[in-house]
């Protein structure tokens, strides 16, 4: 696949694509992304369109490239002869799963000024609630669009549901947020709102963690959009949603091993009894540990029933950091799906498992100890990268 031979005038090319093809520092990153593309040249009817999108819009194609490598990492075979949805997967046990990929993008995604320091500064100073509301609206819209393609609500001649390889098999939407310079910092906050209708836990006046429900978000024109779409049967055509804020350009940079600094957060969880058995080493509250001159860990631990939970925030050089290709990946199962996704297919230790318990009317989110929550990469050549 010839991703890097420009097919358009320079003024039309995406800033990240220009960075890849003009800055020799990123040569190793180009090799990583080509490895992610392995097999995708089998999409004969879609190949040129895909390359064009990579050069002009970048984000959506990069997300598909990341997913291509992720599905192989998990152990799926991919049938590239099926051009839609984006991925037709077959598990080791012979089960077929169809996945449609989508990204949320800023309206100025192709505008070079969007990537200058002024625009980035404006994003980082944005009110957190405004940012979260906008991200929620964008993600909900992207999922709705792909669900409509599945059922044919957009008057598509051949909706996905009519395709033989899709019928009677799970349909999954894989979505990643690229709509804001802060998108990679949101962890799973916005997608939790979209699918489960919940906000992050907060401490009440007694210091207890409580959860707030969210029924809708309001667009700037006053329109109310219902959220919590996996808490009812409104999106029963979707079997599951795959989500990540770490399957971005920063993942390729880390795999390339070029010079960079990392800021990453990992979730931590222990049994209360085991944690408190070593009070000299383990402490409730905040602590700082220096592993080297270039590696510090800022930790927080708090009690939740019989568990001790918290996070480790790492600041280190890329040479001191390791994450797998699927670290940071989430999967959300729809309990109301007409065709349910077998949870065993994506149940690896590194993927956070999210579902909704209809009987008890609550979400069930299984974050493995050490799972990647968020991560940013800073190279010595450019500004902060997702």
Protein backbone atom coordinates (compact mmCIF):
# COMPACT_ATOMS: atom_id res chain seq x y z
CA UNK A 1 0.00 0.00 0.00
CA UNK A 2 1.56 3.26 -1.14
CA UNK A 3 0.32 5.55 1.63
CA UNK A 4 3.01 8.18 1.41
CA UNK A 5 3.22 9.18 -2.27
CA UNK A 6 1.25 12.47 -2.28
CA UNK A 7 -1.74 12.42 -4.61
CA UNK A 8 -2.75 16.06 -4.07
CA UNK A 9 -1.26 19.53 -3.98
CA UNK A 10 0.50 20.37 -0.73
CA UNK A 11 -2.13 22.93 0.30
CA UNK A 12 -4.74 20.15 0.47
CA UNK A 13 -2.70 17.62 2.43
CA UNK A 14 -3.41 17.11 6.13
CA UNK A 15 -0.80 18.64 8.50
CA UNK A 16 -0.03 15.26 10.12
CA UNK A 17 0.46 13.66 6.72
CA UNK A 18 2.83 16.47 5.73
CA UNK A 19 4.75 15.90 8.95
CA UNK A 20 5.17 12.23 8.13
CA UNK A 21 6.43 12.70 4.58
CA UNK A 22 8.64 15.76 5.09
CA UNK A 23 10.26 15.36 8.52
CA UNK A 24 12.98 12.71 8.51
CA UNK A 25 12.58 12.29 12.29
CA UNK A 26 9.30 10.51 11.59
CA UNK A 27 10.69 7.89 9.19
CA UNK A 28 10.40 5.14 11.86
CA UNK A 29 6.79 6.18 12.50
CA UNK A 30 5.99 5.74 8.81
CA UNK A 31 7.29 2.16 9.04
CA UNK A 32 5.06 1.43 12.05
CA UNK A 33 1.94 2.73 10.29
CA UNK A 34 2.77 0.66 7.21
CA UNK A 35 2.96 -2.41 9.44
CA UNK A 36 -0.49 -1.57 10.77
CA UNK A 37 -1.73 -1.54 7.17
CA UNK A 38 -0.70 -5.14 6.51
CA UNK A 39 -3.38 -6.84 4.39
CA UNK A 40 -5.47 -3.75 3.73
CA UNK A 41 -4.29 -3.54 0.13
CA UNK A 42 -6.75 -6.41 -0.36
CA UNK A 43 -9.57 -3.84 -0.30
CA UNK A 44 -9.39 -3.49 -4.07
CA UNK A 45 -12.51 -1.40 -4.55
CA UNK A 46 -11.81 0.91 -1.60
CA UNK A 47 -8.02 1.18 -1.68
CA UNK A 48 -7.57 4.48 -3.54
CA UNK A 49 -10.39 6.09 -1.58
CA UNK A 50 -8.75 4.99 1.66
CA UNK A 51 -5.33 6.39 0.66
CA UNK A 52 -6.94 9.67 -0.35
CA UNK A 53 -8.66 9.95 3.02
CA UNK A 54 -5.37 9.21 4.79
CA UNK A 55 -3.67 12.05 2.96
CA UNK A 56 -6.52 14.55 3.19
CA UNK A 57 -8.31 13.82 6.50
CA UNK A 58 -5.83 11.49 8.21
CA UNK A 59 -7.68 10.69 11.45
CA UNK A 60 -10.35 8.30 10.17
CA UNK A 61 -7.84 6.32 8.13
CA UNK A 62 -5.32 6.20 10.99
CA UNK A 63 -8.04 4.79 13.26
CA UNK A 64 -8.81 2.05 10.70
CA UNK A 65 -5.11 1.25 10.39
CA UNK A 66 -4.84 0.99 14.17
CA UNK A 67 -7.90 -1.27 14.32
CA UNK A 68 -6.56 -3.48 11.53
CA UNK A 69 -3.48 -4.24 13.62
CA UNK A 70 -5.54 -4.49 16.84
CA UNK A 71 -7.89 -7.14 15.47
CA UNK A 72 -4.93 -9.23 14.32
CA UNK A 73 -3.27 -8.76 17.73
CA UNK A 74 -6.41 -10.14 19.39
CA UNK A 75 -6.40 -13.12 17.02
CA UNK A 76 -9.05 -12.43 14.38
CA UNK A 77 -8.75 -13.23 10.69
CA UNK A 78 -9.91 -10.37 8.44
CA UNK A 79 -11.75 -10.92 5.15
CA UNK A 80 -10.63 -7.95 3.04
CA UNK A 81 -12.83 -8.99 0.13
CA UNK A 82 -15.83 -7.67 2.08
CA UNK A 83 -15.67 -3.93 1.46
CA UNK A 84 -18.43 -2.93 3.88
CA UNK A 85 -18.73 -2.70 6.78
CA UNK A 86 -15.06 -1.83 7.26
CA UNK A 87 -13.99 -5.13 8.86
CA UNK A 88 -15.38 -8.63 8.53
CA UNK A 89 -13.71 -10.60 11.33
CA UNK A 90 -13.61 -14.32 11.98
CA UNK A 91 -12.55 -15.54 15.42
CA UNK A 92 -10.46 -18.62 16.09
CA UNK A 93 -13.65 -20.48 16.95
CA UNK A 94 -15.23 -19.50 13.61
CA UNK A 95 -17.60 -16.74 14.77
CA UNK A 96 -18.10 -13.80 12.40
CA UNK A 97 -18.21 -10.20 13.65
CA UNK A 98 -18.66 -7.13 11.44
CA UNK A 99 -17.14 -3.83 12.56
CA UNK A 100 -17.76 -0.34 11.17
CA UNK A 101 -15.13 2.28 12.08
CA UNK A 102 -15.88 5.96 12.60
CA UNK A 103 -14.20 9.01 14.14
CA UNK A 104 -15.46 12.31 15.46
CA UNK A 105 -13.61 15.20 13.85
CA UNK A 106 -13.31 18.93 14.32
CA UNK A 107 -14.91 21.02 11.58
CA UNK A 108 -11.44 22.53 11.05
CA UNK A 109 -9.68 19.16 10.85
CA UNK A 110 -8.16 19.94 7.43
CA UNK A 111 -7.33 23.55 8.33
CA UNK A 112 -3.62 23.99 9.04
CA UNK A 113 -4.32 26.86 11.45
CA UNK A 114 -6.21 24.40 13.67
CA UNK A 115 -2.88 22.83 14.56
CA UNK A 116 -1.02 26.01 15.48
CA UNK A 117 -0.18 26.97 19.07
CA UNK A 118 -3.01 29.52 19.33
CA UNK A 119 -5.70 26.98 18.43
CA UNK A 120 -4.24 24.40 20.79
CA UNK A 121 -4.12 26.98 23.60
CA UNK A 122 -7.77 27.88 23.02
CA UNK A 123 -8.77 24.22 23.30
CA UNK A 124 -6.82 23.61 26.51
CA UNK A 125 -8.47 26.63 28.15
CA UNK A 126 -11.99 25.47 27.24
CA UNK A 127 -14.47 24.93 30.07
CA UNK A 128 -14.49 21.23 31.01
CA UNK A 129 -18.29 20.87 30.96
CA UNK A 130 -18.50 22.54 27.54
CA UNK A 131 -15.79 20.23 26.22
CA UNK A 132 -17.50 17.16 27.67
CA UNK A 133 -20.91 18.16 26.28
CA UNK A 134 -19.47 18.75 22.81
CA UNK A 135 -17.62 15.41 22.87
CA UNK A 136 -20.77 13.61 24.00
CA UNK A 137 -22.81 15.16 21.17
CA UNK A 138 -20.14 14.30 18.58
CA UNK A 139 -19.85 10.66 19.70
CA UNK A 140 -23.62 10.21 19.83
CA UNK A 141 -23.93 11.65 16.32
CA UNK A 142 -21.21 9.38 14.91
CA UNK A 143 -22.83 6.26 16.39
CA UNK A 144 -26.28 7.31 15.17
CA UNK A 145 -24.94 7.86 11.66
CA UNK A 146 -23.46 4.36 11.48
CA UNK A 147 -26.55 2.76 12.98
CA UNK A 148 -28.59 4.48 10.25
CA UNK A 149 -26.26 3.01 7.61
CA UNK A 150 -26.94 -0.40 9.11
CA UNK A 151 -30.73 -0.17 9.02
CA UNK A 152 -30.94 1.88 5.81
CA UNK A 153 -32.60 4.92 7.35
CA UNK A 154 -30.44 7.12 5.12
CA UNK A 155 -32.08 5.48 2.06
CA UNK A 156 -28.85 3.68 1.21
CA UNK A 157 -29.50 1.23 -1.63
CA UNK A 158 -27.82 -1.66 0.18
CA UNK A 159 -27.87 -1.11 3.95
CA UNK A 160 -25.37 -3.14 5.94
CA UNK A 161 -28.16 -5.26 7.43
CA UNK A 162 -29.02 -6.56 3.95
CA UNK A 163 -25.52 -7.96 3.27
CA UNK A 164 -25.24 -11.75 3.52
CA UNK A 165 -22.07 -11.72 5.63
CA UNK A 166 -23.72 -9.28 8.06
CA UNK A 167 -27.07 -11.04 8.51
CA UNK A 168 -27.39 -12.92 11.82
CA UNK A 169 -23.91 -11.80 12.94
CA UNK A 170 -22.98 -9.16 15.55
CA UNK A 171 -22.59 -5.60 14.28
CA UNK A 172 -20.05 -3.50 16.19
CA UNK A 173 -19.20 0.20 15.87
CA UNK A 174 -15.60 1.22 16.62
CA UNK A 175 -15.38 4.93 17.42
CA UNK A 176 -12.50 7.23 18.39
CA UNK A 177 -12.65 10.96 19.23
CA UNK A 178 -10.54 13.43 17.25
CA UNK A 179 -12.88 16.43 17.55
CA UNK A 180 -10.80 18.49 19.97
CA UNK A 181 -7.14 18.95 20.92
CA UNK A 182 -8.21 17.60 24.33
CA UNK A 183 -9.99 14.52 22.96
CA UNK A 184 -7.27 12.14 24.06
CA UNK A 185 -7.59 13.36 27.69
CA UNK A 186 -11.23 12.33 28.15
CA UNK A 187 -10.56 8.65 28.97
CA UNK A 188 -14.05 7.08 28.69
CA UNK A 189 -16.02 9.94 30.27
CA UNK A 190 -17.96 11.04 27.17
CA UNK A 191 -18.65 7.53 25.86
CA UNK A 192 -19.94 6.53 29.32
CA UNK A 193 -22.47 9.34 29.00
CA UNK A 194 -23.48 8.28 25.49
CA UNK A 195 -23.92 4.58 26.24
CA UNK A 196 -24.73 4.39 29.97
CA UNK A 197 -25.95 7.90 30.81
CA UNK A 198 -23.49 8.41 33.67
CA UNK A 199 -20.95 10.99 34.72
CA UNK A 200 -17.66 10.18 36.51
CA UNK A 201 -17.91 9.34 40.23
CA UNK A 202 -17.53 12.28 42.59
CA UNK A 203 -17.08 12.64 46.33
CA UNK A 204 -20.09 13.80 48.34
CA UNK A 205 -19.90 15.85 51.55
CA UNK A 206 -19.14 12.67 53.53
CA UNK A 207 -16.22 11.78 51.28
CA UNK A 208 -18.11 8.89 49.66
CA UNK A 209 -17.97 8.24 45.93
CA UNK A 210 -21.35 8.77 44.26
CA UNK A 211 -22.47 8.60 40.63
CA UNK A 212 -24.63 11.12 38.80
CA UNK A 213 -26.98 10.00 36.04
CA UNK A 214 -27.31 12.00 32.82
CA UNK A 215 -30.52 11.78 30.80
CA UNK A 216 -29.66 14.15 27.98
CA UNK A 217 -27.27 16.76 26.65
CA UNK A 218 -28.35 20.05 25.13
CA UNK A 219 -27.04 21.33 21.81
CA UNK A 220 -26.29 25.03 21.35
CA UNK A 221 -29.60 25.45 19.50
CA UNK A 222 -31.48 24.12 22.54
CA UNK A 223 -32.20 20.64 21.16
CA UNK A 224 -32.13 17.91 23.82
CA UNK A 225 -30.41 14.65 22.85
CA UNK A 226 -31.14 11.54 24.88
CA UNK A 227 -28.10 9.61 26.11
CA UNK A 228 -27.74 6.23 27.78
CA UNK A 229 -28.54 4.43 24.53
CA UNK A 230 -27.40 1.05 25.91
CA UNK A 231 -29.81 1.30 28.88
CA UNK A 232 -32.81 0.67 26.59
CA UNK A 233 -33.58 -0.90 23.21
CA UNK A 234 -33.27 2.30 21.12
CA UNK A 235 -30.04 1.05 19.51
CA UNK A 236 -30.83 -2.67 19.50
CA UNK A 237 -29.16 -3.09 16.08
CA UNK A 238 -25.72 -2.43 17.59
CA UNK A 239 -24.16 -5.38 19.39
CA UNK A 240 -21.29 -3.46 20.96
CA UNK A 241 -19.11 -0.37 20.73
CA UNK A 242 -15.31 -0.36 20.66
CA UNK A 243 -13.70 2.85 21.93
CA UNK A 244 -10.21 4.24 22.53
CA UNK A 245 -8.45 7.54 23.09
CA UNK A 246 -5.01 5.91 22.80
CA UNK A 247 -5.23 4.28 19.34
CA UNK A 248 -3.92 7.46 17.76
CA UNK A 249 -0.71 8.95 16.39
CA UNK A 250 0.97 8.68 19.80
CA UNK A 251 0.66 4.88 19.69
CA UNK A 252 2.62 4.80 16.43
CA UNK A 253 5.27 7.14 17.86
CA UNK A 254 5.80 4.90 20.90
CA UNK A 255 6.07 1.77 18.76
CA UNK A 256 8.61 3.53 16.53
CA UNK A 257 10.85 4.24 19.56
CA UNK A 258 11.77 7.75 18.41
CA UNK A 259 12.79 10.29 21.06
CA UNK A 260 9.75 11.37 23.09
CA UNK A 261 8.39 11.96 26.58
CA UNK A 262 5.27 10.26 27.93
CA UNK A 263 2.54 11.26 30.36
CA UNK A 264 0.32 8.26 31.04
CA UNK A 265 -2.28 7.24 33.60
CA UNK A 266 -2.91 3.66 34.67
CA UNK A 267 -5.81 2.38 36.74
CA UNK A 268 -4.83 0.51 39.92
CA UNK A 269 -6.94 -1.86 42.04
CA UNK A 270 -6.11 -4.11 45.00
CA UNK A 271 -7.91 -6.07 47.66
CA UNK A 272 -8.20 -3.97 50.81
CA UNK A 273 -6.80 -6.73 52.99
CA UNK A 274 -3.73 -7.32 50.83
CA UNK A 275 -3.03 -3.61 50.35
CA UNK A 276 -3.22 -2.73 54.06
CA UNK A 277 -1.12 -5.74 55.08
CA UNK A 278 1.98 -3.79 54.04
CA UNK A 279 1.39 -0.36 55.60
CA UNK A 280 5.03 0.66 55.24
CA UNK A 281 4.89 0.33 51.46
CA UNK A 282 1.22 1.03 50.72
CA UNK A 283 -0.57 4.18 51.83
CA UNK A 284 -4.04 5.59 51.31
CA UNK A 285 -3.94 9.05 49.74
CA UNK A 286 -1.30 10.62 47.49
CA UNK A 287 2.35 9.70 47.04
CA UNK A 288 5.24 10.29 44.63
CA UNK A 289 7.89 7.80 43.56
CA UNK A 290 10.98 8.53 41.47
CA UNK A 291 12.22 5.51 39.50
CA UNK A 292 14.93 7.37 37.58
CA UNK A 293 15.99 10.88 36.66
CA UNK A 294 13.37 10.86 33.92
CA UNK A 295 10.65 8.68 35.44
CA UNK A 296 8.30 9.79 38.21
CA UNK A 297 5.01 8.22 39.31
CA UNK A 298 2.29 10.26 41.04
CA UNK A 299 -0.11 7.88 42.77
CA UNK A 300 -3.45 8.17 44.53
CA UNK A 301 -5.22 5.42 46.47
CA UNK A 302 -8.68 5.44 48.07
CA UNK A 303 -11.01 2.94 49.71
CA UNK A 304 -14.09 1.59 47.93
CA UNK A 305 -15.73 -1.07 50.07
CA UNK A 306 -13.42 -4.08 50.17
CA UNK A 307 -11.16 -2.64 47.48
CA UNK A 308 -8.41 -0.08 47.26
CA UNK A 309 -8.48 1.72 43.92
CA UNK A 310 -6.72 4.67 42.34
CA UNK A 311 -4.29 5.61 39.63
CA UNK A 312 -0.62 5.95 38.77
CA UNK A 313 0.36 8.90 36.59
CA UNK A 314 3.71 8.27 34.89
CA UNK A 315 6.00 11.01 33.57
CA UNK A 316 8.90 9.39 31.77
CA UNK A 317 11.00 9.04 28.64
CA UNK A 318 9.53 6.81 25.95
CA UNK A 319 12.41 4.35 26.41
CA UNK A 320 11.13 3.70 29.96
CA UNK A 321 7.53 3.13 28.92
CA UNK A 322 5.81 0.07 27.47
CA UNK A 323 2.25 -0.46 26.34
CA UNK A 324 0.81 -3.10 24.05
CA UNK A 325 -1.04 -2.27 20.85
CA UNK A 326 -4.43 -2.75 22.52
CA UNK A 327 -3.68 -1.08 25.87
CA UNK A 328 -6.31 1.62 26.38
CA UNK A 329 -9.00 -0.16 24.34
CA UNK A 330 -12.57 -0.39 25.69
CA UNK A 331 -15.46 -2.56 24.60
CA UNK A 332 -19.08 -1.83 25.56
CA UNK A 333 -21.68 -4.59 25.23
CA UNK A 334 -25.30 -3.72 24.46
CA UNK A 335 -27.58 -5.85 26.69
CA UNK A 336 -30.57 -4.97 24.47
CA UNK A 337 -28.88 -6.02 21.22
CA UNK A 338 -30.94 -8.22 18.93
CA UNK A 339 -27.72 -10.11 18.09
CA UNK A 340 -25.38 -10.11 21.06
CA UNK A 341 -21.59 -10.18 20.85
CA UNK A 342 -19.95 -13.14 22.59
CA UNK A 343 -17.96 -11.55 25.43
CA UNK A 344 -15.28 -14.22 25.14
CA UNK A 345 -14.14 -12.87 21.76
CA UNK A 346 -12.71 -9.60 23.12
CA UNK A 347 -12.12 -10.67 26.72
CA UNK A 348 -8.37 -10.19 26.94
CA UNK A 349 -6.71 -8.82 30.06
CA UNK A 350 -5.70 -5.57 28.38
CA UNK A 351 -9.18 -4.53 27.19
CA UNK A 352 -11.55 -2.83 29.64
CA UNK A 353 -14.89 -4.65 29.66
CA UNK A 354 -18.05 -2.55 29.98
CA UNK A 355 -21.65 -3.77 30.19
CA UNK A 356 -25.00 -2.75 31.67
CA UNK A 357 -26.88 -4.86 34.22
CA UNK A 358 -30.56 -4.54 33.28
CA UNK A 359 -31.82 -6.27 36.42
CA UNK A 360 -29.96 -3.99 38.83
CA UNK A 361 -30.10 -0.93 36.53
CA UNK A 362 -26.39 -0.21 36.78
CA UNK A 363 -23.25 -0.28 34.68
CA UNK A 364 -20.58 -2.96 35.18
CA UNK A 365 -17.11 -1.75 34.23
CA UNK A 366 -14.17 -4.10 34.69
CA UNK A 367 -10.88 -2.21 34.56
CA UNK A 368 -7.99 -4.65 34.98
CA UNK A 369 -5.33 -3.51 37.42
CA UNK A 370 -2.72 -1.62 35.42
CA UNK A 371 -5.01 -0.89 32.47
CA UNK A 372 -4.14 2.24 30.50
CA UNK A 373 -6.54 5.12 31.18
CA UNK A 374 -5.01 7.88 29.08
CA UNK A 375 -1.68 8.76 27.50
CA UNK A 376 -0.02 11.71 25.79
CA UNK A 377 3.26 11.80 23.90
CA UNK A 378 5.52 14.85 23.51
CA UNK A 379 8.28 14.66 20.94
CA UNK A 380 11.22 17.02 20.86
CA UNK A 381 10.18 18.00 17.31
CA UNK A 382 6.55 19.00 17.76
CA UNK A 383 3.82 19.99 20.19
CA UNK A 384 1.96 17.47 22.32
CA UNK A 385 0.56 14.54 20.32
CA UNK A 386 -2.35 12.22 21.12
